Amino acid sequence: MSFTENLSDEAPAAVIRDQGKIYTACGEGKIPFVSAIDIAAVAFRAITDPKSHNCDHRVLGPELLTYDEVAEKLSAALGRPIEHVKLSGDQRYEGLVNAGVSNYFARLLTNLETAASTGFETRMNATVETVTGRAPRTLDLFAHDNRGAWQSVAE
């Protein structure tokens, strides 16, 4: 599972803003990008509903996307090209470590991405809609609402 908000975190946002690129070892793997807002909404209902949910909720996003598709959506929202650069696991790990990420966290991220490249994340469900009564937030909406995270001061 990947969070839409990860794209607007400081380091990924800077790379998208300054280089127009997203680097991953996800290949063509499809991922159900989920918004933290949707996770919070499901958690709120699970805590406050009069009747216990008595289950674990797996909160997933509304669509399965490759990072190529993520780059297309960001390109549309920003009005400029964003490219997904597909790396091998070794290239991704080395790039993360060279950027100052700890060996442990670089290996963890790389392992998650290479697992996604094999289809590990390819699943969906209707948890957000079932629990909250509303559709989950799309990446298109997130990109539109957060364009400023990827725009330079000059834009």
N, C-alpha and C. Protein backbone atom coordinates (compact mmCIF):
# COMPACT_ATOMS: atom_id res chain seq x y z
N MET A 1 0.85 -1.17 0.00
CA MET A 1 0.00 0.00 0.00
C MET A 1 0.90 1.24 0.00
N SER A 2 0.58 2.18 -0.82
CA SER A 2 1.29 3.45 -0.85
C SER A 2 0.31 4.57 -0.55
N PHE A 3 0.78 5.54 0.17
CA PHE A 3 -0.04 6.69 0.53
C PHE A 3 0.13 7.79 -0.51
N THR A 4 -0.96 8.40 -0.92
CA THR A 4 -0.86 9.52 -1.86
C THR A 4 0.01 10.62 -1.26
N GLU A 5 -0.10 10.81 0.04
CA GLU A 5 0.65 11.88 0.72
C GLU A 5 2.16 11.69 0.63
N ASN A 6 2.64 10.45 0.42
CA ASN A 6 4.08 10.24 0.27
C ASN A 6 4.64 11.05 -0.90
N LEU A 7 3.83 11.26 -1.92
CA LEU A 7 4.28 12.02 -3.09
C LEU A 7 4.55 13.48 -2.77
N SER A 8 3.89 14.00 -1.74
CA SER A 8 4.07 15.41 -1.39
C SER A 8 4.98 15.60 -0.18
N ASP A 9 5.55 14.51 0.35
CA ASP A 9 6.54 14.64 1.42
C ASP A 9 7.75 15.39 0.89
N GLU A 10 8.51 15.93 1.79
CA GLU A 10 9.61 16.84 1.44
C GLU A 10 10.55 16.30 0.36
N ALA A 11 11.15 15.14 0.56
CA ALA A 11 12.14 14.64 -0.40
C ALA A 11 11.52 14.26 -1.75
N PRO A 12 10.46 13.43 -1.78
CA PRO A 12 9.88 13.11 -3.09
C PRO A 12 9.34 14.35 -3.81
N ALA A 13 8.75 15.26 -3.05
CA ALA A 13 8.20 16.48 -3.67
C ALA A 13 9.30 17.31 -4.31
N ALA A 14 10.44 17.39 -3.65
CA ALA A 14 11.57 18.18 -4.19
C ALA A 14 12.07 17.56 -5.49
N VAL A 15 12.15 16.24 -5.55
CA VAL A 15 12.62 15.57 -6.77
C VAL A 15 11.62 15.80 -7.90
N ILE A 16 10.33 15.66 -7.59
CA ILE A 16 9.30 15.89 -8.61
C ILE A 16 9.35 17.35 -9.06
N ARG A 17 9.46 18.26 -8.13
CA ARG A 17 9.48 19.70 -8.45
C ARG A 17 10.73 20.07 -9.25
N ASP A 18 11.91 19.64 -8.78
CA ASP A 18 13.17 20.10 -9.37
C ASP A 18 13.63 19.30 -10.58
N GLN A 19 13.30 18.01 -10.62
CA GLN A 19 13.77 17.16 -11.71
C GLN A 19 12.65 16.71 -12.64
N GLY A 20 11.40 16.83 -12.19
CA GLY A 20 10.29 16.33 -12.99
C GLY A 20 10.30 14.82 -13.11
N LYS A 21 10.78 14.15 -12.06
CA LYS A 21 10.93 12.69 -12.11
C LYS A 21 10.45 12.04 -10.81
N ILE A 22 10.03 10.80 -10.95
CA ILE A 22 9.74 9.92 -9.82
C ILE A 22 10.58 8.68 -10.03
N TYR A 23 11.45 8.36 -9.08
CA TYR A 23 12.33 7.20 -9.17
C TYR A 23 11.76 6.07 -8.31
N THR A 24 11.57 4.88 -8.90
CA THR A 24 11.13 3.73 -8.11
C THR A 24 11.70 2.45 -8.71
N ALA A 25 11.57 1.39 -7.92
CA ALA A 25 11.86 0.03 -8.39
C ALA A 25 10.54 -0.74 -8.53
N CYS A 26 9.44 -0.01 -8.73
CA CYS A 26 8.10 -0.62 -8.83
C CYS A 26 7.80 -1.16 -10.22
N GLY A 27 8.60 -0.80 -11.20
CA GLY A 27 8.36 -1.28 -12.56
C GLY A 27 6.95 -0.96 -13.02
N GLU A 28 6.23 -1.99 -13.48
CA GLU A 28 4.85 -1.85 -13.96
C GLU A 28 3.84 -2.31 -12.90
N GLY A 29 4.31 -2.48 -11.67
CA GLY A 29 3.42 -2.93 -10.60
C GLY A 29 2.30 -1.94 -10.34
N LYS A 30 1.12 -2.46 -10.14
CA LYS A 30 -0.06 -1.63 -9.86
C LYS A 30 -0.27 -1.57 -8.36
N ILE A 31 -0.57 -0.36 -7.87
CA ILE A 31 -0.65 -0.09 -6.44
C ILE A 31 -1.95 0.66 -6.14
N PRO A 32 -2.65 0.28 -5.06
CA PRO A 32 -3.88 0.99 -4.69
C PRO A 32 -3.57 2.19 -3.80
N PHE A 33 -3.08 3.27 -4.38
CA PHE A 33 -2.71 4.46 -3.60
C PHE A 33 -3.89 4.90 -2.74
N VAL A 34 -3.62 5.10 -1.46
CA VAL A 34 -4.67 5.44 -0.50
C VAL A 34 -4.33 6.76 0.18
N SER A 35 -5.36 7.52 0.47
CA SER A 35 -5.18 8.80 1.16
C SER A 35 -5.27 8.60 2.67
N ALA A 36 -4.40 9.28 3.39
CA ALA A 36 -4.45 9.26 4.85
C ALA A 36 -5.79 9.80 5.35
N ILE A 37 -6.40 10.67 4.58
CA ILE A 37 -7.73 11.20 4.93
C ILE A 37 -8.75 10.07 4.97
N ASP A 38 -8.66 9.14 4.01
CA ASP A 38 -9.58 8.01 3.99
C ASP A 38 -9.32 7.06 5.15
N ILE A 39 -8.05 6.84 5.47
CA ILE A 39 -7.71 5.98 6.61
C ILE A 39 -8.27 6.60 7.89
N ALA A 40 -8.09 7.90 8.05
CA ALA A 40 -8.60 8.58 9.24
C ALA A 40 -10.13 8.51 9.31
N ALA A 41 -10.80 8.64 8.18
CA ALA A 41 -12.26 8.59 8.16
C ALA A 41 -12.77 7.21 8.57
N VAL A 42 -12.11 6.17 8.10
CA VAL A 42 -12.50 4.80 8.48
C VAL A 42 -12.22 4.59 9.97
N ALA A 43 -11.07 5.04 10.44
CA ALA A 43 -10.73 4.89 11.86
C ALA A 43 -11.74 5.64 12.73
N PHE A 44 -12.10 6.85 12.33
CA PHE A 44 -13.08 7.64 13.09
C PHE A 44 -14.39 6.87 13.23
N ARG A 45 -14.86 6.33 12.12
CA ARG A 45 -16.13 5.58 12.16
C ARG A 45 -16.00 4.33 13.01
N ALA A 46 -14.86 3.64 12.90
CA ALA A 46 -14.65 2.43 13.69
C ALA A 46 -14.66 2.72 15.19
N ILE A 47 -14.18 3.88 15.56
CA ILE A 47 -14.12 4.27 16.97
C ILE A 47 -15.45 4.84 17.48
N THR A 48 -16.14 5.56 16.63
CA THR A 48 -17.32 6.31 17.10
C THR A 48 -18.67 5.67 16.77
N ASP A 49 -18.72 4.72 15.85
CA ASP A 49 -20.01 4.09 15.54
C ASP A 49 -20.55 3.40 16.79
N PRO A 50 -21.85 3.47 17.01
CA PRO A 50 -22.45 2.86 18.20
C PRO A 50 -22.20 1.35 18.28
N LYS A 51 -22.22 0.69 17.13
CA LYS A 51 -21.98 -0.75 17.10
C LYS A 51 -20.52 -1.01 16.70
N SER A 52 -19.87 -1.86 17.46
CA SER A 52 -18.47 -2.20 17.17
C SER A 52 -18.33 -2.80 15.78
N HIS A 53 -17.29 -2.43 15.09
CA HIS A 53 -17.02 -3.03 13.78
C HIS A 53 -16.48 -4.44 13.95
N ASN A 54 -15.81 -4.69 15.06
CA ASN A 54 -15.33 -6.02 15.42
C ASN A 54 -14.56 -6.69 14.27
N CYS A 55 -13.69 -5.91 13.62
CA CYS A 55 -12.88 -6.46 12.53
C CYS A 55 -11.68 -5.55 12.29
N ASP A 56 -10.78 -6.03 11.50
CA ASP A 56 -9.66 -5.22 11.02
C ASP A 56 -10.05 -4.68 9.65
N HIS A 57 -9.90 -3.40 9.46
CA HIS A 57 -10.21 -2.80 8.16
C HIS A 57 -8.92 -2.65 7.36
N ARG A 58 -8.91 -3.18 6.16
CA ARG A 58 -7.81 -2.96 5.22
C ARG A 58 -8.26 -1.84 4.30
N VAL A 59 -7.70 -0.65 4.48
CA VAL A 59 -8.13 0.53 3.73
C VAL A 59 -7.23 0.69 2.51
N LEU A 60 -7.84 0.61 1.34
CA LEU A 60 -7.10 0.73 0.08
C LEU A 60 -7.68 1.86 -0.76
N GLY A 61 -6.90 2.32 -1.70
CA GLY A 61 -7.33 3.40 -2.58
C GLY A 61 -8.33 2.93 -3.62
N PRO A 62 -8.88 3.88 -4.38
CA PRO A 62 -9.97 3.59 -5.31
C PRO A 62 -9.54 3.07 -6.67
N GLU A 63 -8.24 3.04 -6.94
CA GLU A 63 -7.79 2.60 -8.27
C GLU A 63 -6.40 2.01 -8.17
N LEU A 64 -6.12 1.07 -9.03
CA LEU A 64 -4.78 0.48 -9.12
C LEU A 64 -3.99 1.26 -10.16
N LEU A 65 -2.86 1.81 -9.72
CA LEU A 65 -2.05 2.66 -10.60
C LEU A 65 -0.60 2.21 -10.64
N THR A 66 -0.01 2.26 -11.82
CA THR A 66 1.44 2.13 -11.93
C THR A 66 2.03 3.51 -11.67
N TYR A 67 3.32 3.57 -11.41
CA TYR A 67 3.95 4.88 -11.25
C TYR A 67 4.00 5.64 -12.56
N ASP A 68 3.94 4.95 -13.70
CA ASP A 68 3.81 5.65 -14.98
C ASP A 68 2.50 6.43 -14.99
N GLU A 69 1.43 5.79 -14.51
CA GLU A 69 0.13 6.46 -14.45
C GLU A 69 0.12 7.59 -13.42
N VAL A 70 0.82 7.39 -12.32
CA VAL A 70 0.95 8.46 -11.32
C VAL A 70 1.64 9.67 -11.96
N ALA A 71 2.72 9.40 -12.70
CA ALA A 71 3.43 10.49 -13.38
C ALA A 71 2.52 11.21 -14.37
N GLU A 72 1.69 10.47 -15.09
CA GLU A 72 0.73 11.08 -16.03
C GLU A 72 -0.26 11.98 -15.29
N LYS A 73 -0.75 11.53 -14.16
CA LYS A 73 -1.72 12.31 -13.38
C LYS A 73 -1.07 13.57 -12.82
N LEU A 74 0.16 13.46 -12.33
CA LEU A 74 0.86 14.65 -11.84
C LEU A 74 1.15 15.60 -13.00
N SER A 75 1.51 15.05 -14.15
CA SER A 75 1.76 15.89 -15.33
C SER A 75 0.52 16.69 -15.68
N ALA A 76 -0.64 16.04 -15.65
CA ALA A 76 -1.90 16.72 -15.98
C ALA A 76 -2.21 17.81 -14.96
N ALA A 77 -1.99 17.52 -13.68
CA ALA A 77 -2.30 18.49 -12.63
C ALA A 77 -1.34 19.69 -12.67
N LEU A 78 -0.10 19.44 -13.05
CA LEU A 78 0.92 20.49 -13.02
C LEU A 78 1.09 21.20 -14.36
N GLY A 79 0.59 20.60 -15.42
CA GLY A 79 0.75 21.21 -16.74
C GLY A 79 2.17 21.15 -17.26
N ARG A 80 2.91 20.18 -16.81
CA ARG A 80 4.28 19.95 -17.30
C ARG A 80 4.61 18.47 -17.14
N PRO A 81 5.56 17.97 -17.92
CA PRO A 81 5.82 16.53 -17.89
C PRO A 81 6.52 16.07 -16.61
N ILE A 82 6.01 15.00 -16.04
CA ILE A 82 6.65 14.29 -14.94
C ILE A 82 6.90 12.88 -15.45
N GLU A 83 8.10 12.38 -15.22
CA GLU A 83 8.50 11.08 -15.75
C GLU A 83 8.75 10.10 -14.62
N HIS A 84 8.30 8.86 -14.80
CA HIS A 84 8.64 7.79 -13.88
C HIS A 84 9.89 7.10 -14.40
N VAL A 85 10.93 7.09 -13.59
CA VAL A 85 12.19 6.44 -13.95
C VAL A 85 12.23 5.08 -13.25
N LYS A 86 12.22 4.02 -14.05
CA LYS A 86 12.21 2.66 -13.52
C LYS A 86 13.65 2.22 -13.23
N LEU A 87 13.88 1.87 -11.97
CA LEU A 87 15.20 1.44 -11.54
C LEU A 87 15.18 -0.03 -11.13
N SER A 88 16.33 -0.66 -11.18
CA SER A 88 16.46 -2.00 -10.60
C SER A 88 16.46 -1.84 -9.08
N GLY A 89 16.29 -2.92 -8.38
CA GLY A 89 16.35 -2.87 -6.92
C GLY A 89 17.68 -2.33 -6.43
N ASP A 90 18.78 -2.79 -7.04
CA ASP A 90 20.10 -2.32 -6.63
C ASP A 90 20.27 -0.83 -6.91
N GLN A 91 19.82 -0.37 -8.06
CA GLN A 91 19.91 1.06 -8.38
C GLN A 91 19.10 1.90 -7.39
N ARG A 92 17.92 1.43 -7.06
CA ARG A 92 17.06 2.17 -6.14
C ARG A 92 17.70 2.24 -4.76
N TYR A 93 18.19 1.12 -4.27
CA TYR A 93 18.84 1.07 -2.97
C TYR A 93 20.03 2.03 -2.92
N GLU A 94 20.89 1.96 -3.93
CA GLU A 94 22.06 2.83 -3.97
C GLU A 94 21.66 4.30 -4.03
N GLY A 95 20.64 4.63 -4.83
CA GLY A 95 20.18 6.01 -4.93
C GLY A 95 19.66 6.53 -3.60
N LEU A 96 18.92 5.70 -2.88
CA LEU A 96 18.39 6.12 -1.58
C LEU A 96 19.52 6.34 -0.58
N VAL A 97 20.46 5.41 -0.53
CA VAL A 97 21.59 5.54 0.40
C VAL A 97 22.42 6.77 0.05
N ASN A 98 22.66 6.99 -1.23
CA ASN A 98 23.42 8.17 -1.66
C ASN A 98 22.70 9.47 -1.33
N ALA A 99 21.37 9.41 -1.21
CA ALA A 99 20.59 10.59 -0.85
C ALA A 99 20.52 10.79 0.67
N GLY A 100 21.15 9.89 1.42
CA GLY A 100 21.19 10.06 2.87
C GLY A 100 20.22 9.21 3.66
N VAL A 101 19.51 8.31 2.98
CA VAL A 101 18.59 7.41 3.68
C VAL A 101 19.42 6.31 4.34
N SER A 102 19.03 5.92 5.55
CA SER A 102 19.77 4.87 6.26
C SER A 102 19.74 3.57 5.47
N ASN A 103 20.76 2.74 5.66
CA ASN A 103 20.81 1.45 4.97
C ASN A 103 19.55 0.64 5.24
N TYR A 104 19.12 0.61 6.51
CA TYR A 104 17.94 -0.17 6.88
C TYR A 104 16.70 0.32 6.14
N PHE A 105 16.44 1.62 6.18
CA PHE A 105 15.23 2.16 5.56
C PHE A 105 15.31 2.06 4.04
N ALA A 106 16.50 2.26 3.47
CA ALA A 106 16.68 2.13 2.02
C ALA A 106 16.36 0.70 1.58
N ARG A 107 16.80 -0.28 2.36
CA ARG A 107 16.52 -1.69 2.02
C ARG A 107 15.03 -1.98 2.16
N LEU A 108 14.40 -1.46 3.22
CA LEU A 108 12.97 -1.66 3.43
C LEU A 108 12.17 -1.08 2.25
N LEU A 109 12.44 0.17 1.89
CA LEU A 109 11.72 0.79 0.77
C LEU A 109 11.95 0.04 -0.53
N THR A 110 13.18 -0.34 -0.77
CA THR A 110 13.51 -1.07 -2.00
C THR A 110 12.78 -2.40 -2.04
N ASN A 111 12.76 -3.11 -0.92
CA ASN A 111 12.06 -4.40 -0.88
C ASN A 111 10.56 -4.22 -1.13
N LEU A 112 9.96 -3.17 -0.56
CA LEU A 112 8.54 -2.91 -0.80
C LEU A 112 8.29 -2.61 -2.28
N GLU A 113 9.16 -1.81 -2.88
CA GLU A 113 8.98 -1.46 -4.28
C GLU A 113 9.18 -2.65 -5.21
N THR A 114 10.19 -3.45 -4.95
CA THR A 114 10.40 -4.62 -5.82
C THR A 114 9.27 -5.62 -5.64
N ALA A 115 8.71 -5.73 -4.44
CA ALA A 115 7.54 -6.60 -4.24
C ALA A 115 6.36 -6.06 -5.05
N ALA A 116 6.17 -4.75 -5.04
CA ALA A 116 5.09 -4.15 -5.82
C ALA A 116 5.26 -4.44 -7.31
N SER A 117 6.51 -4.48 -7.77
CA SER A 117 6.76 -4.73 -9.19
C SER A 117 6.32 -6.13 -9.62
N THR A 118 6.16 -7.03 -8.66
CA THR A 118 5.75 -8.41 -8.97
C THR A 118 4.24 -8.60 -8.82
N GLY A 119 3.52 -7.53 -8.50
CA GLY A 119 2.08 -7.63 -8.35
C GLY A 119 1.62 -7.81 -6.91
N PHE A 120 2.52 -7.71 -5.96
CA PHE A 120 2.20 -7.91 -4.54
C PHE A 120 1.11 -6.96 -4.03
N GLU A 121 1.03 -5.76 -4.58
CA GLU A 121 0.07 -4.76 -4.11
C GLU A 121 -1.22 -4.72 -4.93
N THR A 122 -1.36 -5.60 -5.90
CA THR A 122 -2.49 -5.54 -6.82
C THR A 122 -3.75 -6.12 -6.18
N ARG A 123 -4.43 -5.27 -5.43
CA ARG A 123 -5.70 -5.65 -4.81
C ARG A 123 -6.48 -4.40 -4.49
N MET A 124 -7.79 -4.56 -4.44
CA MET A 124 -8.67 -3.43 -4.12
C MET A 124 -9.80 -3.93 -3.23
N ASN A 125 -10.50 -2.99 -2.61
CA ASN A 125 -11.70 -3.32 -1.85
C ASN A 125 -12.56 -2.07 -1.74
N ALA A 126 -13.70 -2.20 -1.12
CA ALA A 126 -14.64 -1.08 -0.99
C ALA A 126 -14.74 -0.60 0.46
N THR A 127 -13.71 -0.80 1.25
CA THR A 127 -13.77 -0.47 2.68
C THR A 127 -14.15 0.98 2.93
N VAL A 128 -13.51 1.91 2.25
CA VAL A 128 -13.79 3.33 2.51
C VAL A 128 -15.27 3.63 2.28
N GLU A 129 -15.78 3.21 1.14
CA GLU A 129 -17.18 3.50 0.82
C GLU A 129 -18.14 2.76 1.76
N THR A 130 -17.83 1.52 2.06
CA THR A 130 -18.70 0.73 2.94
C THR A 130 -18.77 1.33 4.34
N VAL A 131 -17.63 1.75 4.88
CA VAL A 131 -17.58 2.25 6.26
C VAL A 131 -18.02 3.70 6.36
N THR A 132 -17.61 4.53 5.39
CA THR A 132 -17.86 5.98 5.51
C THR A 132 -19.08 6.45 4.72
N GLY A 133 -19.50 5.66 3.74
CA GLY A 133 -20.61 6.07 2.90
C GLY A 133 -20.22 7.01 1.78
N ARG A 134 -18.93 7.21 1.57
CA ARG A 134 -18.46 8.07 0.49
C ARG A 134 -17.33 7.38 -0.25
N ALA A 135 -17.10 7.80 -1.47
CA ALA A 135 -16.03 7.23 -2.28
C ALA A 135 -14.67 7.67 -1.74
N PRO A 136 -13.66 6.83 -1.89
CA PRO A 136 -12.31 7.23 -1.48
C PRO A 136 -11.76 8.33 -2.39
N ARG A 137 -10.80 9.07 -1.87
CA ARG A 137 -10.16 10.15 -2.62
C ARG A 137 -9.26 9.58 -3.71
N THR A 138 -9.37 10.13 -4.89
CA THR A 138 -8.54 9.68 -6.01
C THR A 138 -7.21 10.43 -6.03
N LEU A 139 -6.26 9.86 -6.75
CA LEU A 139 -4.97 10.53 -6.91
C LEU A 139 -5.14 11.82 -7.71
N ASP A 140 -6.08 11.83 -8.67
CA ASP A 140 -6.35 13.06 -9.43
C ASP A 140 -6.74 14.20 -8.48
N LEU A 141 -7.64 13.93 -7.56
CA LEU A 141 -8.07 14.94 -6.60
C LEU A 141 -6.92 15.38 -5.71
N PHE A 142 -6.16 14.40 -5.22
CA PHE A 142 -5.00 14.73 -4.38
C PHE A 142 -4.01 15.62 -5.13
N ALA A 143 -3.70 15.26 -6.38
CA ALA A 143 -2.74 16.04 -7.17
C ALA A 143 -3.26 17.45 -7.39
N HIS A 144 -4.53 17.59 -7.69
CA HIS A 144 -5.12 18.91 -7.89
C HIS A 144 -5.04 19.74 -6.61
N ASP A 145 -5.41 19.15 -5.50
CA ASP A 145 -5.44 19.87 -4.22
C ASP A 145 -4.05 20.21 -3.68
N ASN A 146 -3.04 19.49 -4.13
CA ASN A 146 -1.69 19.66 -3.57
C ASN A 146 -0.66 20.11 -4.59
N ARG A 147 -1.10 20.72 -5.69
CA ARG A 147 -0.18 21.16 -6.75
C ARG A 147 0.99 21.97 -6.20
N GLY A 148 0.74 22.77 -5.19
CA GLY A 148 1.79 23.63 -4.64
C GLY A 148 3.00 22.86 -4.13
N ALA A 149 2.81 21.61 -3.74
CA ALA A 149 3.94 20.81 -3.24
C ALA A 149 4.98 20.55 -4.31
N TRP A 150 4.56 20.61 -5.58
CA TRP A 150 5.48 20.27 -6.68
C TRP A 150 5.77 21.45 -7.59
N GLN A 151 5.38 22.64 -7.18
CA GLN A 151 5.62 23.83 -7.99
C GLN A 151 6.77 24.64 -7.39
N SER A 152 7.62 25.15 -8.26
CA SER A 152 8.69 26.02 -7.79
C SER A 152 8.10 27.39 -7.48
N VAL A 153 8.86 28.19 -6.79
CA VAL A 153 8.40 29.52 -6.41
C VAL A 153 8.11 30.35 -7.67
N ALA A 154 8.86 30.09 -8.75
CA ALA A 154 8.69 30.85 -10.00
C ALA A 154 7.39 30.51 -10.73
N GLU A 155 6.79 29.34 -10.44
CA GLU A 155 5.59 28.91 -11.17
C GLU A 155 4.36 29.64 -10.68
